[in-house]
Amino acid sequence: MNQAAMKQYQTIGVQSGVTDASSHQLISMLMAGALDRMASARGAIIRGEISRKGELLSEIIAIIDSLRASLDHSRGGEISTNLTSLYDYIEQCLLRANLDSDVEPLDEVSSLLAEIKAGWELIPVDARRA
């Protein structure tokens, strides 16, 4: 399969997954997308691919902004307040990784987001609809 066809297939697969996903699944997909891009950004930093690093980190920041916007402060209470602060911190680390071309802040936020994602996926199915 050529590259253009592969990209189109991936786009259709993502669109289909988003269309059929619950709000809980969408948040999981956003987190997974951010983690994938963090791994790619890490590689771009190591290889000195400045332009690609910037693109990926911008995409990750947009995802983090979406995660922050999805928080329901009226129902989430202290957890949503803490997540807002954590997402702010993650963005600061991403900016530092970009400015300094440093993988250390990227590794730190990858670990933080992986932990959040693991906790998110442990939410019982019946609580996901509440």
C-alpha atoms as a PDB file:
ATOM      1  CA  MET A   1       0.000   0.000   0.000  1.00  0.00           C
ATOM      2  CA  ASN A   2       1.484   3.383  -0.952  1.00  0.00           C
ATOM      3  CA  GLN A   3       1.967   6.160   1.610  1.00  0.00           C
ATOM      4  CA  ALA A   4      -0.974   8.295   0.434  1.00  0.00           C
ATOM      5  CA  ALA A   5      -3.338   5.335   0.587  1.00  0.00           C
ATOM      6  CA  MET A   6      -2.027   4.371   4.020  1.00  0.00           C
ATOM      7  CA  LYS A   7      -2.595   7.899   5.366  1.00  0.00           C
ATOM      8  CA  GLN A   8      -6.132   7.928   3.967  1.00  0.00           C
ATOM      9  CA  TYR A   9      -6.843   4.532   5.524  1.00  0.00           C
ATOM     10  CA  GLN A  10      -5.567   5.741   8.892  1.00  0.00           C
ATOM     11  CA  THR A  11      -7.678   8.899   8.649  1.00  0.00           C
ATOM     12  CA  ILE A  12     -10.805   6.877   7.891  1.00  0.00           C
ATOM     13  CA  GLY A  13     -10.017   4.484  10.738  1.00  0.00           C
ATOM     14  CA  VAL A  14      -9.620   7.344  13.195  1.00  0.00           C
ATOM     15  CA  GLN A  15     -12.802   9.065  11.980  1.00  0.00           C
ATOM     16  CA  SER A  16     -14.742   5.813  12.299  1.00  0.00           C
ATOM     17  CA  GLY A  17     -13.371   5.225  15.792  1.00  0.00           C
ATOM     18  CA  VAL A  18     -14.319   8.741  16.865  1.00  0.00           C
ATOM     19  CA  THR A  19     -17.822   8.481  15.427  1.00  0.00           C
ATOM     20  CA  ASP A  20     -18.538   5.264  17.316  1.00  0.00           C
ATOM     21  CA  ALA A  21     -16.787   6.217  20.571  1.00  0.00           C
ATOM     22  CA  SER A  22     -18.349   7.181  23.883  1.00  0.00           C
ATOM     23  CA  SER A  23     -17.136  10.325  25.628  1.00  0.00           C
ATOM     24  CA  HIS A  24     -15.069   8.094  27.928  1.00  0.00           C
ATOM     25  CA  GLN A  25     -13.460   6.387  24.928  1.00  0.00           C
ATOM     26  CA  LEU A  26     -12.784   9.752  23.274  1.00  0.00           C
ATOM     27  CA  ILE A  27     -10.808  10.903  26.308  1.00  0.00           C
ATOM     28  CA  SER A  28      -8.847   7.625  26.215  1.00  0.00           C
ATOM     29  CA  MET A  29      -8.169   8.178  22.515  1.00  0.00           C
ATOM     30  CA  LEU A  30      -6.937  11.724  23.177  1.00  0.00           C
ATOM     31  CA  MET A  31      -4.584  10.496  25.881  1.00  0.00           C
ATOM     32  CA  ALA A  32      -3.301   7.680  23.661  1.00  0.00           C
ATOM     33  CA  GLY A  33      -2.755  10.157  20.827  1.00  0.00           C
ATOM     34  CA  ALA A  34      -0.809  12.476  23.105  1.00  0.00           C
ATOM     35  CA  LEU A  35       1.348   9.605  24.368  1.00  0.00           C
ATOM     36  CA  ASP A  36       2.063   8.426  20.807  1.00  0.00           C
ATOM     37  CA  ARG A  37       3.057  11.933  19.777  1.00  0.00           C
ATOM     38  CA  MET A  38       5.237  12.300  22.878  1.00  0.00           C
ATOM     39  CA  ALA A  39       7.182   9.209  21.837  1.00  0.00           C
ATOM     40  CA  SER A  40       7.533  10.605  18.314  1.00  0.00           C
ATOM     41  CA  ALA A  41       8.582  14.030  19.644  1.00  0.00           C
ATOM     42  CA  ARG A  42      11.203  12.354  21.814  1.00  0.00           C
ATOM     43  CA  GLY A  43      12.621  10.694  18.711  1.00  0.00           C
ATOM     44  CA  ALA A  44      12.548  13.973  16.791  1.00  0.00           C
ATOM     45  CA  ILE A  45      14.490  15.699  19.584  1.00  0.00           C
ATOM     46  CA  ILE A  46      17.104  12.938  19.656  1.00  0.00           C
ATOM     47  CA  ARG A  47      17.482  13.052  15.856  1.00  0.00           C
ATOM     48  CA  GLY A  48      17.644  16.862  15.824  1.00  0.00           C
ATOM     49  CA  GLU A  49      14.518  17.188  13.676  1.00  0.00           C
ATOM     50  CA  ILE A  50      13.613  20.664  14.909  1.00  0.00           C
ATOM     51  CA  SER A  51      10.643  21.249  12.623  1.00  0.00           C
ATOM     52  CA  ARG A  52       9.073  17.861  13.324  1.00  0.00           C
ATOM     53  CA  LYS A  53       9.644  18.315  17.070  1.00  0.00           C
ATOM     54  CA  GLY A  54       7.775  21.630  16.958  1.00  0.00           C
ATOM     55  CA  GLU A  55       4.876  20.165  14.980  1.00  0.00           C
ATOM     56  CA  LEU A  56       4.469  17.238  17.347  1.00  0.00           C
ATOM     57  CA  LEU A  57       4.708  19.319  20.505  1.00  0.00           C
ATOM     58  CA  SER A  58       2.119  21.737  19.093  1.00  0.00           C
ATOM     59  CA  GLU A  59      -0.206  18.796  18.428  1.00  0.00           C
ATOM     60  CA  ILE A  60       0.325  17.495  21.972  1.00  0.00           C
ATOM     61  CA  ILE A  61      -0.456  20.913  23.446  1.00  0.00           C
ATOM     62  CA  ALA A  62      -3.671  21.026  21.394  1.00  0.00           C
ATOM     63  CA  ILE A  63      -4.620  17.599  22.765  1.00  0.00           C
ATOM     64  CA  ILE A  64      -3.882  18.701  26.333  1.00  0.00           C
ATOM     65  CA  ASP A  65      -6.050  21.785  25.712  1.00  0.00           C
ATOM     66  CA  SER A  66      -8.860  19.467  24.573  1.00  0.00           C
ATOM     67  CA  LEU A  67      -8.458  17.316  27.671  1.00  0.00           C
ATOM     68  CA  ARG A  68      -8.604  20.427  29.854  1.00  0.00           C
ATOM     69  CA  ALA A  69     -11.716  21.677  28.016  1.00  0.00           C
ATOM     70  CA  SER A  70     -13.436  18.326  28.552  1.00  0.00           C
ATOM     71  CA  LEU A  71     -13.276  18.622  32.345  1.00  0.00           C
ATOM     72  CA  ASP A  72     -16.658  19.061  34.027  1.00  0.00           C
ATOM     73  CA  HIS A  73     -15.904  21.246  37.026  1.00  0.00           C
ATOM     74  CA  SER A  74     -19.502  21.129  38.240  1.00  0.00           C
ATOM     75  CA  ARG A  75     -19.353  17.335  38.615  1.00  0.00           C
ATOM     76  CA  GLY A  76     -15.620  16.722  38.896  1.00  0.00           C
ATOM     77  CA  GLY A  77     -14.947  18.758  42.004  1.00  0.00           C
ATOM     78  CA  GLU A  78     -11.435  18.594  43.372  1.00  0.00           C
ATOM     79  CA  ILE A  79     -10.325  16.019  40.797  1.00  0.00           C
ATOM     80  CA  SER A  80     -11.109  18.308  37.866  1.00  0.00           C
ATOM     81  CA  THR A  81      -9.383  21.217  39.630  1.00  0.00           C
ATOM     82  CA  ASN A  82      -6.291  19.068  40.194  1.00  0.00           C
ATOM     83  CA  LEU A  83      -6.336  17.860  36.583  1.00  0.00           C
ATOM     84  CA  THR A  84      -6.537  21.459  35.358  1.00  0.00           C
ATOM     85  CA  SER A  85      -3.403  22.268  37.354  1.00  0.00           C
ATOM     86  CA  LEU A  86      -1.683  19.123  36.120  1.00  0.00           C
ATOM     87  CA  TYR A  87      -2.532  19.900  32.484  1.00  0.00           C
ATOM     88  CA  ASP A  88      -1.103  23.415  32.999  1.00  0.00           C
ATOM     89  CA  TYR A  89       2.092  21.864  34.364  1.00  0.00           C
ATOM     90  CA  ILE A  90       2.258  19.400  31.447  1.00  0.00           C
ATOM     91  CA  GLU A  91       2.021  22.272  28.965  1.00  0.00           C
ATOM     92  CA  GLN A  92       4.819  24.149  30.749  1.00  0.00           C
ATOM     93  CA  CYS A  93       7.012  21.044  30.516  1.00  0.00           C
ATOM     94  CA  LEU A  94       6.183  20.627  26.829  1.00  0.00           C
ATOM     95  CA  LEU A  95       7.180  24.230  26.159  1.00  0.00           C
ATOM     96  CA  ARG A  96      10.440  23.678  28.056  1.00  0.00           C
ATOM     97  CA  ALA A  97      11.111  20.501  26.039  1.00  0.00           C
ATOM     98  CA  ASN A  98      10.560  22.478  22.852  1.00  0.00           C
ATOM     99  CA  LEU A  99      12.668  25.497  23.808  1.00  0.00           C
ATOM    100  CA  ASP A 100      15.557  23.453  25.185  1.00  0.00           C
ATOM    101  CA  SER A 101      15.252  20.446  22.831  1.00  0.00           C
ATOM    102  CA  ASP A 102      15.344  18.358  25.986  1.00  0.00           C
ATOM    103  CA  VAL A 103      13.742  14.926  26.354  1.00  0.00           C
ATOM    104  CA  GLU A 104      13.737  14.988  30.172  1.00  0.00           C
ATOM    105  CA  PRO A 105      10.575  17.120  30.581  1.00  0.00           C
ATOM    106  CA  LEU A 106       8.955  15.066  27.835  1.00  0.00           C
ATOM    107  CA  ASP A 107       9.747  11.835  29.680  1.00  0.00           C
ATOM    108  CA  GLU A 108       8.297  13.290  32.870  1.00  0.00           C
ATOM    109  CA  VAL A 109       4.992  14.298  31.286  1.00  0.00           C
ATOM    110  CA  SER A 110       4.742  11.025  29.376  1.00  0.00           C
ATOM    111  CA  SER A 111       4.902   9.231  32.690  1.00  0.00           C
ATOM    112  CA  LEU A 112       2.312  11.560  34.250  1.00  0.00           C
ATOM    113  CA  LEU A 113      -0.112  11.210  31.355  1.00  0.00           C
ATOM    114  CA  ALA A 114       0.328   7.425  31.241  1.00  0.00           C
ATOM    115  CA  GLU A 115      -0.611   7.321  34.921  1.00  0.00           C
ATOM    116  CA  ILE A 116      -3.694   9.482  34.339  1.00  0.00           C
ATOM    117  CA  LYS A 117      -4.696   7.282  31.397  1.00  0.00           C
ATOM    118  CA  ALA A 118      -4.296   4.102  33.453  1.00  0.00           C
ATOM    119  CA  GLY A 119      -6.534   5.548  36.161  1.00  0.00           C
ATOM    120  CA  TRP A 120      -9.067   6.695  33.580  1.00  0.00           C
ATOM    121  CA  GLU A 121      -9.298   3.214  32.125  1.00  0.00           C
ATOM    122  CA  LEU A 122      -9.973   1.746  35.594  1.00  0.00           C
ATOM    123  CA  ILE A 123     -13.206   3.715  35.952  1.00  0.00           C
ATOM    124  CA  PRO A 124     -16.024   1.137  36.221  1.00  0.00           C
ATOM    125  CA  VAL A 125     -18.223   0.862  33.124  1.00  0.00           C
ATOM    126  CA  ASP A 126     -21.399   1.841  35.001  1.00  0.00           C
ATOM    127  CA  ALA A 127     -19.696   5.002  36.323  1.00  0.00           C
ATOM    128  CA  ARG A 128     -18.632   6.036  32.807  1.00  0.00           C
ATOM    129  CA  ARG A 129     -22.201   6.830  31.849  1.00  0.00           C
ATOM    130  CA  ALA A 130     -22.961   8.869  34.961  1.00  0.00           C
END
